[in-house]
PDB file of N, CA and C in Angstrom:
ATOM      1  N   UNK A   1      90.276 109.027  84.951  1.00  0.00           N
ATOM      2  CA  UNK A   1      89.850 107.752  85.561  1.00  0.00           C
ATOM      3  C   UNK A   1      88.514 107.334  85.017  1.00  0.00           C
ATOM      4  N   UNK A   2      88.307 106.062  84.784  1.00  0.00           N
ATOM      5  CA  UNK A   2      87.228 105.585  84.440  1.00  0.00           C
ATOM      6  C   UNK A   2      86.356 105.002  85.533  1.00  0.00           C
ATOM      7  N   UNK A   3      85.050 105.522  85.470  1.00  0.00           N
ATOM      8  CA  UNK A   3      84.092 105.230  86.641  1.00  0.00           C
ATOM      9  C   UNK A   3      83.726 103.613  86.416  1.00  0.00           C
ATOM     10  N   UNK A   4      83.442 103.378  85.211  1.00  0.00           N
ATOM     11  CA  UNK A   4      83.174 101.917  84.884  1.00  0.00           C
ATOM     12  C   UNK A   4      84.157 100.964  85.126  1.00  0.00           C
ATOM     13  N   UNK A   5      85.572 101.413  84.896  1.00  0.00           N
ATOM     14  CA  UNK A   5      86.575 100.505  85.183  1.00  0.00           C
ATOM     15  C   UNK A   5      86.657 100.357  86.760  1.00  0.00           C
ATOM     16  N   UNK A   6      86.485 101.279  87.631  1.00  0.00           N
ATOM     17  CA  UNK A   6      86.496 101.310  89.021  1.00  0.00           C
ATOM     18  C   UNK A   6      85.236 100.344  89.556  1.00  0.00           C
ATOM     19  N   UNK A   7      84.151 100.659  88.834  1.00  0.00           N
ATOM     20  CA  UNK A   7      82.944  99.871  89.138  1.00  0.00           C
ATOM     21  C   UNK A   7      83.196  98.321  89.048  1.00  0.00           C
ATOM     22  N   UNK A   8      83.929  98.005  87.897  1.00  0.00           N
ATOM     23  CA  UNK A   8      84.153  96.537  87.622  1.00  0.00           C
ATOM     24  C   UNK A   8      85.152  95.957  88.634  1.00  0.00           C
ATOM     25  N   UNK A   9      86.205  96.902  89.238  1.00  0.00           N
ATOM     26  CA  UNK A   9      87.044  96.379  90.131  1.00  0.00           C
ATOM     27  C   UNK A   9      86.436  96.323  91.605  1.00  0.00           C
ATOM     28  N   UNK A  10      85.451  97.086  91.907  1.00  0.00           N
ATOM     29  CA  UNK A  10      85.046  97.230  93.190  1.00  0.00           C
ATOM     30  C   UNK A  10      84.456  95.905  93.804  1.00  0.00           C
ATOM     31  N   UNK A  11      83.716  95.066  93.125  1.00  0.00           N
ATOM     32  CA  UNK A  11      83.173  93.773  93.549  1.00  0.00           C
ATOM     33  C   UNK A  11      84.248  92.850  93.881  1.00  0.00           C
ATOM     34  N   UNK A  12      85.318  92.761  93.141  1.00  0.00           N
ATOM     35  CA  UNK A  12      86.392  92.022  93.295  1.00  0.00           C
ATOM     36  C   UNK A  12      87.126  92.355  94.534  1.00  0.00           C
ATOM     37  N   UNK A  13      87.395  93.674  94.668  1.00  0.00           N
ATOM     38  CA  UNK A  13      87.963  94.075  95.994  1.00  0.00           C
ATOM     39  C   UNK A  13      87.136  93.840  97.293  1.00  0.00           C
ATOM     40  N   UNK A  14      85.796  93.991  97.189  1.00  0.00           N
ATOM     41  CA  UNK A  14      85.138  93.703  98.353  1.00  0.00           C
ATOM     42  C   UNK A  14      85.004  92.172  98.640  1.00  0.00           C
ATOM     43  N   UNK A  15      85.200  91.329  97.568  1.00  0.00           N
ATOM     44  CA  UNK A  15      85.157  89.884  97.694  1.00  0.00           C
ATOM     45  C   UNK A  15      86.335  89.463  98.378  1.00  0.00           C
ATOM     46  N   UNK A  16      87.537  90.072  98.057  1.00  0.00           N
ATOM     47  CA  UNK A  16      88.840  89.882  98.512  1.00  0.00           C
ATOM     48  C   UNK A  16      88.855  90.351 100.063  1.00  0.00           C
ATOM     49  N   UNK A  17      88.272  91.543 100.329  1.00  0.00           N
ATOM     50  CA  UNK A  17      88.231  92.082 101.647  1.00  0.00           C
ATOM     51  C   UNK A  17      87.321  91.134 102.627  1.00  0.00           C
ATOM     52  N   UNK A  18      86.293  90.598 101.954  1.00  0.00           N
ATOM     53  CA  UNK A  18      85.366  89.847 102.774  1.00  0.00           C
ATOM     54  C   UNK A  18      86.169  88.421 103.186  1.00  0.00           C
ATOM     55  N   UNK A  19      86.731  87.804 102.206  1.00  0.00           N
ATOM     56  CA  UNK A  19      87.509  86.651 102.417  1.00  0.00           C
ATOM     57  C   UNK A  19      88.674  86.801 103.518  1.00  0.00           C
ATOM     58  N   UNK A  20      89.416  87.857 103.293  1.00  0.00           N
ATOM     59  CA  UNK A  20      90.440  88.217 104.308  1.00  0.00           C
ATOM     60  C   UNK A  20      89.822  88.424 105.753  1.00  0.00           C
ATOM     61  N   UNK A  21      88.607  89.184 105.754  1.00  0.00           N
ATOM     62  CA  UNK A  21      88.110  89.520 106.992  1.00  0.00           C
ATOM     63  C   UNK A  21      87.545  88.060 107.797  1.00  0.00           C
ATOM     64  N   UNK A  22      86.943  87.233 107.066  1.00  0.00           N
ATOM     65  CA  UNK A  22      86.641  85.935 107.633  1.00  0.00           C
ATOM     66  C   UNK A  22      87.776  85.321 108.222  1.00  0.00           C
ATOM     67  N   UNK A  23      88.898  85.282 107.472  1.00  0.00           N
ATOM     68  CA  UNK A  23      89.890  84.457 107.831  1.00  0.00           C
ATOM     69  C   UNK A  23      90.615  85.213 109.123  1.00  0.00           C
ATOM     70  N   UNK A  24      90.623  86.556 109.174  1.00  0.00           N
ATOM     71  CA  UNK A  24      91.302  87.153 110.271  1.00  0.00           C
ATOM     72  C   UNK A  24      90.501  87.208 111.470  1.00  0.00           C
ATOM     73  N   UNK A  25      89.194  86.830 111.420  1.00  0.00           N
ATOM     74  CA  UNK A  25      88.318  86.727 112.586  1.00  0.00           C
ATOM     75  C   UNK A  25      88.789  85.560 113.572  1.00  0.00           C
ATOM     76  N   UNK A  26      89.294  84.531 112.900  1.00  0.00           N
ATOM     77  CA  UNK A  26      89.745  83.307 113.649  1.00  0.00           C
ATOM     78  C   UNK A  26      88.653  82.366 113.968  1.00  0.00           C
ATOM     79  N   UNK A  27      87.366  82.518 113.487  1.00  0.00           N
ATOM     80  CA  UNK A  27      86.403  81.537 113.705  1.00  0.00           C
ATOM     81  C   UNK A  27      86.115  80.327 112.913  1.00  0.00           C
ATOM     82  N   UNK A  28      87.160  80.268 111.945  1.00  0.00           N
ATOM     83  CA  UNK A  28      87.081  79.296 111.078  1.00  0.00           C
ATOM     84  C   UNK A  28      88.329  78.267 111.210  1.00  0.00           C
ATOM     85  N   UNK A  29      88.290  77.171 110.795  1.00  0.00           N
ATOM     86  CA  UNK A  29      89.415  76.026 111.064  1.00  0.00           C
ATOM     87  C   UNK A  29      90.465  76.369 110.049  1.00  0.00           C
ATOM     88  N   UNK A  30      91.565  75.509 110.103  1.00  0.00           N
ATOM     89  CA  UNK A  30      92.681  75.731 109.312  1.00  0.00           C
ATOM     90  C   UNK A  30      92.294  75.387 107.762  1.00  0.00           C
ATOM     91  N   UNK A  31      91.530  74.372 107.534  1.00  0.00           N
ATOM     92  CA  UNK A  31      91.105  74.033 106.255  1.00  0.00           C
ATOM     93  C   UNK A  31      90.208  75.186 105.584  1.00  0.00           C
ATOM     94  N   UNK A  32      89.403  75.730 106.421  1.00  0.00           N
ATOM     95  CA  UNK A  32      88.504  76.840 105.989  1.00  0.00           C
ATOM     96  C   UNK A  32      89.250  78.039 105.729  1.00  0.00           C
ATOM     97  N   UNK A  33      90.322  78.262 106.514  1.00  0.00           N
ATOM     98  CA  UNK A  33      91.175  79.488 106.151  1.00  0.00           C
ATOM     99  C   UNK A  33      91.883  79.299 104.895  1.00  0.00           C
ATOM    100  N   UNK A  34      92.292  78.242 104.609  1.00  0.00           N
ATOM    101  CA  UNK A  34      92.946  77.846 103.323  1.00  0.00           C
ATOM    102  C   UNK A  34      92.052  78.184 102.219  1.00  0.00           C
ATOM    103  N   UNK A  35      90.835  77.569 102.438  1.00  0.00           N
ATOM    104  CA  UNK A  35      89.699  77.729 101.297  1.00  0.00           C
ATOM    105  C   UNK A  35      89.443  79.317 101.071  1.00  0.00           C
ATOM    106  N   UNK A  36      89.205  80.011 102.218  1.00  0.00           N
ATOM    107  CA  UNK A  36      88.903  81.432 101.996  1.00  0.00           C
ATOM    108  C   UNK A  36      90.014  82.193 101.523  1.00  0.00           C
ATOM    109  N   UNK A  37      91.215  81.925 101.747  1.00  0.00           N
ATOM    110  CA  UNK A  37      92.427  82.511 101.169  1.00  0.00           C
ATOM    111  C   UNK A  37      92.580  82.168  99.706  1.00  0.00           C
ATOM    112  N   UNK A  38      92.170  81.103  99.269  1.00  0.00           N
ATOM    113  CA  UNK A  38      92.316  80.737  98.034  1.00  0.00           C
ATOM    114  C   UNK A  38      91.246  81.157  97.031  1.00  0.00           C
ATOM    115  N   UNK A  39      90.016  81.446  97.592  1.00  0.00           N
ATOM    116  CA  UNK A  39      88.979  81.756  96.772  1.00  0.00           C
ATOM    117  C   UNK A  39      89.234  83.071  95.877  1.00  0.00           C
ATOM    118  N   UNK A  40      89.730  84.068  96.237  1.00  0.00           N
ATOM    119  CA  UNK A  40      89.902  85.356  95.590  1.00  0.00           C
ATOM    120  C   UNK A  40      90.853  85.095  94.288  1.00  0.00           C
ATOM    121  N   UNK A  41      91.687  84.103  94.373  1.00  0.00           N
ATOM    122  CA  UNK A  41      92.660  83.890  93.301  1.00  0.00           C
ATOM    123  C   UNK A  41      92.545  82.384  92.746  1.00  0.00           C
ATOM    124  N   UNK A  42      91.534  81.674  93.015  1.00  0.00           N
ATOM    125  CA  UNK A  42      91.148  80.456  92.488  1.00  0.00           C
ATOM    126  C   UNK A  42      91.308  80.329  91.013  1.00  0.00           C
ATOM    127  N   UNK A  43      90.834  81.128  90.185  1.00  0.00           N
ATOM    128  CA  UNK A  43      90.716  80.991  88.727  1.00  0.00           C
ATOM    129  C   UNK A  43      92.130  81.202  88.253  1.00  0.00           C
ATOM    130  N   UNK A  44      92.778  82.194  88.846  1.00  0.00           N
ATOM    131  CA  UNK A  44      94.255  82.317  88.396  1.00  0.00           C
ATOM    132  C   UNK A  44      95.150  81.291  88.608  1.00  0.00           C
ATOM    133  N   UNK A  45      95.013  80.648  89.910  1.00  0.00           N
ATOM    134  CA  UNK A  45      95.709  79.401  90.345  1.00  0.00           C
ATOM    135  C   UNK A  45      95.461  78.265  89.400  1.00  0.00           C
ATOM    136  N   UNK A  46      94.145  78.153  88.919  1.00  0.00           N
ATOM    137  CA  UNK A  46      93.779  77.049  87.974  1.00  0.00           C
ATOM    138  C   UNK A  46      94.368  77.094  86.740  1.00  0.00           C
ATOM    139  N   UNK A  47      94.556  78.460  86.308  1.00  0.00           N
ATOM    140  CA  UNK A  47      95.268  78.729  84.934  1.00  0.00           C
ATOM    141  C   UNK A  47      96.637  78.489  85.118  1.00  0.00           C
ATOM    142  N   UNK A  48      97.218  78.845  86.205  1.00  0.00           N
ATOM    143  CA  UNK A  48      98.673  78.685  86.425  1.00  0.00           C
ATOM    144  C   UNK A  48      98.895  77.024  86.448  1.00  0.00           C
ATOM    145  N   UNK A  49      98.124  76.230  87.194  1.00  0.00           N
ATOM    146  CA  UNK A  49      98.319  74.920  87.227  1.00  0.00           C
ATOM    147  C   UNK A  49      98.053  74.354  85.929  1.00  0.00           C
ATOM    148  N   UNK A  50      97.176  74.854  85.065  1.00  0.00           N
ATOM    149  CA  UNK A  50      96.910  74.267  83.768  1.00  0.00           C
ATOM    150  C   UNK A  50      98.216  74.603  82.865  1.00  0.00           C
ATOM    151  N   UNK A  51      98.879  75.816  82.996  1.00  0.00           N
ATOM    152  CA  UNK A  51     100.016  75.984  82.339  1.00  0.00           C
ATOM    153  C   UNK A  51     101.306  75.378  82.793  1.00  0.00           C
ATOM    154  N   UNK A  52     101.161  74.577  83.719  1.00  0.00           N
ATOM    155  CA  UNK A  52     102.330  73.822  84.265  1.00  0.00           C
ATOM    156  C   UNK A  52     103.205  74.503  85.251  1.00  0.00           C
ATOM    157  N   UNK A  53     102.872  75.420  85.828  1.00  0.00           N
ATOM    158  CA  UNK A  53     103.524  76.233  86.824  1.00  0.00           C
ATOM    159  C   UNK A  53     103.413  75.694  88.305  1.00  0.00           C
ATOM    160  N   UNK A  54     103.155  74.259  88.469  1.00  0.00           N
ATOM    161  CA  UNK A  54     103.028  73.811  89.930  1.00  0.00           C
ATOM    162  C   UNK A  54     104.120  74.073  90.704  1.00  0.00           C
ATOM    163  N   UNK A  55     105.379  73.896  90.337  1.00  0.00           N
ATOM    164  CA  UNK A  55     106.443  73.989  91.097  1.00  0.00           C
ATOM    165  C   UNK A  55     106.659  75.358  91.733  1.00  0.00           C
ATOM    166  N   UNK A  56     106.411  76.341  90.937  1.00  0.00           N
ATOM    167  CA  UNK A  56     106.444  77.852  91.143  1.00  0.00           C
ATOM    168  C   UNK A  56     105.409  78.079  92.390  1.00  0.00           C
ATOM    169  N   UNK A  57     104.271  77.506  92.203  1.00  0.00           N
ATOM    170  CA  UNK A  57     103.270  77.874  93.102  1.00  0.00           C
ATOM    171  C   UNK A  57     103.367  77.255  94.435  1.00  0.00           C
ATOM    172  N   UNK A  58     104.186  76.082  94.508  1.00  0.00           N
ATOM    173  CA  UNK A  58     104.503  75.455  95.674  1.00  0.00           C
ATOM    174  C   UNK A  58     105.303  76.236  96.658  1.00  0.00           C
ATOM    175  N   UNK A  59     106.073  77.105  96.179  1.00  0.00           N
ATOM    176  CA  UNK A  59     107.025  77.825  97.026  1.00  0.00           C
ATOM    177  C   UNK A  59     106.634  79.302  97.169  1.00  0.00           C
ATOM    178  N   UNK A  60     105.675  79.751  96.710  1.00  0.00           N
ATOM    179  CA  UNK A  60     105.046  81.161  96.690  1.00  0.00           C
ATOM    180  C   UNK A  60     104.367  81.203  98.083  1.00  0.00           C
ATOM    181  N   UNK A  61     104.504  82.401  98.643  1.00  0.00           N
ATOM    182  CA  UNK A  61     103.719  82.698  99.776  1.00  0.00           C
ATOM    183  C   UNK A  61     102.468  83.342  99.510  1.00  0.00           C
ATOM    184  N   UNK A  62     101.546  83.436 100.513  1.00  0.00           N
ATOM    185  CA  UNK A  62     100.172  84.011 100.129  1.00  0.00           C
ATOM    186  C   UNK A  62     100.205  85.477  99.715  1.00  0.00           C
ATOM    187  N   UNK A  63     101.019  86.265 100.538  1.00  0.00           N
ATOM    188  CA  UNK A  63     100.995  87.724 100.119  1.00  0.00           C
ATOM    189  C   UNK A  63     101.703  87.778  98.650  1.00  0.00           C
ATOM    190  N   UNK A  64     102.606  87.023  98.304  1.00  0.00           N
ATOM    191  CA  UNK A  64     103.168  86.944  97.001  1.00  0.00           C
ATOM    192  C   UNK A  64     102.250  86.669  95.978  1.00  0.00           C
ATOM    193  N   UNK A  65     101.493  85.483  96.176  1.00  0.00           N
ATOM    194  CA  UNK A  65     100.521  84.995  95.352  1.00  0.00           C
ATOM    195  C   UNK A  65      99.290  86.142  95.213  1.00  0.00           C
ATOM    196  N   UNK A  66      98.964  86.691  96.130  1.00  0.00           N
ATOM    197  CA  UNK A  66      97.996  87.825  95.950  1.00  0.00           C
ATOM    198  C   UNK A  66      98.588  88.862  95.030  1.00  0.00           C
ATOM    199  N   UNK A  67      99.723  89.361  95.431  1.00  0.00           N
ATOM    200  CA  UNK A  67     100.424  90.400  94.497  1.00  0.00           C
ATOM    201  C   UNK A  67     100.523  89.917  92.966  1.00  0.00           C
ATOM    202  N   UNK A  68     100.904  88.635  92.922  1.00  0.00           N
ATOM    203  CA  UNK A  68     101.129  88.237  91.612  1.00  0.00           C
ATOM    204  C   UNK A  68      99.935  88.030  90.758  1.00  0.00           C
ATOM    205  N   UNK A  69      98.955  87.466  91.338  1.00  0.00           N
ATOM    206  CA  UNK A  69      97.626  87.133  90.693  1.00  0.00           C
ATOM    207  C   UNK A  69      96.609  88.301  90.628  1.00  0.00           C
ATOM    208  N   UNK A  70      96.496  89.080  91.767  1.00  0.00           N
ATOM    209  CA  UNK A  70      95.425  89.964  91.819  1.00  0.00           C
ATOM    210  C   UNK A  70      95.641  91.320  91.049  1.00  0.00           C
ATOM    211  N   UNK A  71      97.036  91.566  90.861  1.00  0.00           N
ATOM    212  CA  UNK A  71      97.371  92.780  90.121  1.00  0.00           C
ATOM    213  C   UNK A  71      96.986  92.693  88.649  1.00  0.00           C
ATOM    214  N   UNK A  72      97.263  91.631  88.054  1.00  0.00           N
ATOM    215  CA  UNK A  72      96.805  91.562  86.495  1.00  0.00           C
ATOM    216  C   UNK A  72      95.250  91.520  86.672  1.00  0.00           C
ATOM    217  N   UNK A  73      94.648  90.936  87.536  1.00  0.00           N
ATOM    218  CA  UNK A  73      93.345  90.931  87.586  1.00  0.00           C
ATOM    219  C   UNK A  73      92.543  92.236  87.683  1.00  0.00           C
ATOM    220  N   UNK A  74      93.088  93.020  88.557  1.00  0.00           N
ATOM    221  CA  UNK A  74      92.595  94.249  88.687  1.00  0.00           C
ATOM    222  C   UNK A  74      92.822  95.326  87.349  1.00  0.00           C
ATOM    223  N   UNK A  75      94.055  95.020  86.856  1.00  0.00           N
ATOM    224  CA  UNK A  75      94.368  95.809  85.559  1.00  0.00           C
ATOM    225  C   UNK A  75      93.378  95.446  84.460  1.00  0.00           C
ATOM    226  N   UNK A  76      93.146  93.923  84.343  1.00  0.00           N
ATOM    227  CA  UNK A  76      92.253  93.554  83.291  1.00  0.00           C
ATOM    228  C   UNK A  76      90.797  93.899  83.550  1.00  0.00           C
ATOM    229  N   UNK A  77      90.418  93.866  84.833  1.00  0.00           N
ATOM    230  CA  UNK A  77      89.074  94.430  85.104  1.00  0.00           C
ATOM    231  C   UNK A  77      88.818  96.034  84.758  1.00  0.00           C
ATOM    232  N   UNK A  78      89.885  96.794  85.144  1.00  0.00           N
ATOM    233  CA  UNK A  78      89.807  98.153  84.864  1.00  0.00           C
ATOM    234  C   UNK A  78      89.878  98.333  83.448  1.00  0.00           C
ATOM    235  N   UNK A  79      90.712  97.755  82.736  1.00  0.00           N
ATOM    236  CA  UNK A  79      90.831  97.826  81.346  1.00  0.00           C
ATOM    237  C   UNK A  79      89.521  97.621  80.424  1.00  0.00           C
ATOM    238  N   UNK A  80      88.856  96.420  81.038  1.00  0.00           N
ATOM    239  CA  UNK A  80      87.689  96.153  80.219  1.00  0.00           C
ATOM    240  C   UNK A  80      86.443  97.242  80.601  1.00  0.00           C
ATOM    241  N   UNK A  81      86.520  97.630  81.832  1.00  0.00           N
ATOM    242  CA  UNK A  81      85.387  98.782  82.194  1.00  0.00           C
ATOM    243  C   UNK A  81      85.730 100.064  81.407  1.00  0.00           C
ATOM    244  N   UNK A  82      87.105 100.453  81.433  1.00  0.00           N
ATOM    245  CA  UNK A  82      87.470 101.614  80.782  1.00  0.00           C
ATOM    246  C   UNK A  82      87.047 101.640  79.036  1.00  0.00           C
ATOM    247  N   UNK A  83      87.372 100.449  78.464  1.00  0.00           N
ATOM    248  CA  UNK A  83      87.205 100.284  77.113  1.00  0.00           C
ATOM    249  C   UNK A  83      85.633 100.189  76.911  1.00  0.00           C
ATOM    250  N   UNK A  84      84.955  99.638  77.720  1.00  0.00           N
ATOM    251  CA  UNK A  84      83.511  99.677  77.539  1.00  0.00           C
ATOM    252  C   UNK A  84      82.831 100.889  77.694  1.00  0.00           C
ATOM    253  N   UNK A  85      83.376 101.763  78.818  1.00  0.00           N
ATOM    254  CA  UNK A  85      82.864 103.029  78.921  1.00  0.00           C
ATOM    255  C   UNK A  85      83.149 104.009  77.708  1.00  0.00           C
ATOM    256  N   UNK A  86      84.387 103.840  77.178  1.00  0.00           N
ATOM    257  CA  UNK A  86      84.931 104.677  75.976  1.00  0.00           C
ATOM    258  C   UNK A  86      83.883 104.262  74.860  1.00  0.00           C
ATOM    259  N   UNK A  87      83.603 103.032  74.618  1.00  0.00           N
ATOM    260  CA  UNK A  87      82.754 102.674  73.577  1.00  0.00           C
ATOM    261  C   UNK A  87      81.482 103.054  73.702  1.00  0.00           C
ATOM    262  N   UNK A  88      80.911 103.153  74.937  1.00  0.00           N
ATOM    263  CA  UNK A  88      79.502 103.734  75.256  1.00  0.00           C
ATOM    264  C   UNK A  88      79.464 105.124  74.980  1.00  0.00           C
ATOM    265  N   UNK A  89      80.581 105.803  75.306  1.00  0.00           N
ATOM    266  CA  UNK A  89      80.613 107.354  75.109  1.00  0.00           C
ATOM    267  C   UNK A  89      80.689 107.543  73.587  1.00  0.00           C
ATOM    268  N   UNK A  90      81.413 106.785  72.824  1.00  0.00           N
ATOM    269  CA  UNK A  90      81.374 107.078  71.434  1.00  0.00           C
ATOM    270  C   UNK A  90      80.052 106.895  70.890  1.00  0.00           C
ATOM    271  N   UNK A  91      79.540 105.935  71.304  1.00  0.00           N
ATOM    272  CA  UNK A  91      78.187 105.558  70.752  1.00  0.00           C
ATOM    273  C   UNK A  91      77.077 106.602  70.901  1.00  0.00           C
ATOM    274  N   UNK A  92      77.142 107.217  72.193  1.00  0.00           N
ATOM    275  CA  UNK A  92      76.331 108.256  72.352  1.00  0.00           C
ATOM    276  C   UNK A  92      76.766 109.644  71.979  1.00  0.00           C
ATOM    277  N   UNK A  93      77.992 109.744  71.334  1.00  0.00           N
ATOM    278  CA  UNK A  93      78.550 110.912  70.921  1.00  0.00           C
ATOM    279  C   UNK A  93      79.072 111.827  71.855  1.00  0.00           C
ATOM    280  N   UNK A  94      79.454 111.329  72.862  1.00  0.00           N
ATOM    281  CA  UNK A  94      79.894 112.141  74.103  1.00  0.00           C
ATOM    282  C   UNK A  94      81.588 112.127  74.187  1.00  0.00           C
ATOM    283  N   UNK A  95      82.208 111.381  73.270  1.00  0.00           N
ATOM    284  CA  UNK A  95      83.635 111.277  73.463  1.00  0.00           C
ATOM    285  C   UNK A  95      84.371 112.627  72.985  1.00  0.00           C
ATOM    286  N   UNK A  96      85.357 112.831  73.711  1.00  0.00           N
ATOM    287  CA  UNK A  96      86.074 114.041  73.582  1.00  0.00           C
ATOM    288  C   UNK A  96      86.816 114.166  72.155  1.00  0.00           C
ATOM    289  N   UNK A  97      87.236 115.378  71.974  1.00  0.00           N
ATOM    290  CA  UNK A  97      88.001 115.597  70.648  1.00  0.00           C
ATOM    291  C   UNK A  97      89.374 114.790  70.440  1.00  0.00           C
ATOM    292  N   UNK A  98      89.741 114.326  71.755  1.00  0.00           N
ATOM    293  CA  UNK A  98      91.111 113.668  71.893  1.00  0.00           C
ATOM    294  C   UNK A  98      90.987 112.229  71.466  1.00  0.00           C
ATOM    295  N   UNK A  99      89.822 111.600  71.494  1.00  0.00           N
ATOM    296  CA  UNK A  99      89.495 110.187  71.276  1.00  0.00           C
ATOM    297  C   UNK A  99      89.475 110.040  69.865  1.00  0.00           C
TER     298      UNK A  99
END
């Protein structure tokens, strides 16, 4: 397990938890709930809109959208952190014999 990969994923996970926590408290209006639910996946939604996937996004539920868009984001963040950690270890000469 890459510590740096997990470190890269942690802020995103905390941001998601904070947005979902604000929505679940019920102190915000309907429009604000939509905004807080959309914030964690806004970049991925913008990319999907740019790619012309508007019809597919219109019928997808929030849990499905989170699963569809957050999973690749976590994989990408972890992969970047793991690759950076491996590169830093090689630079310091700490990489194992298997690398």
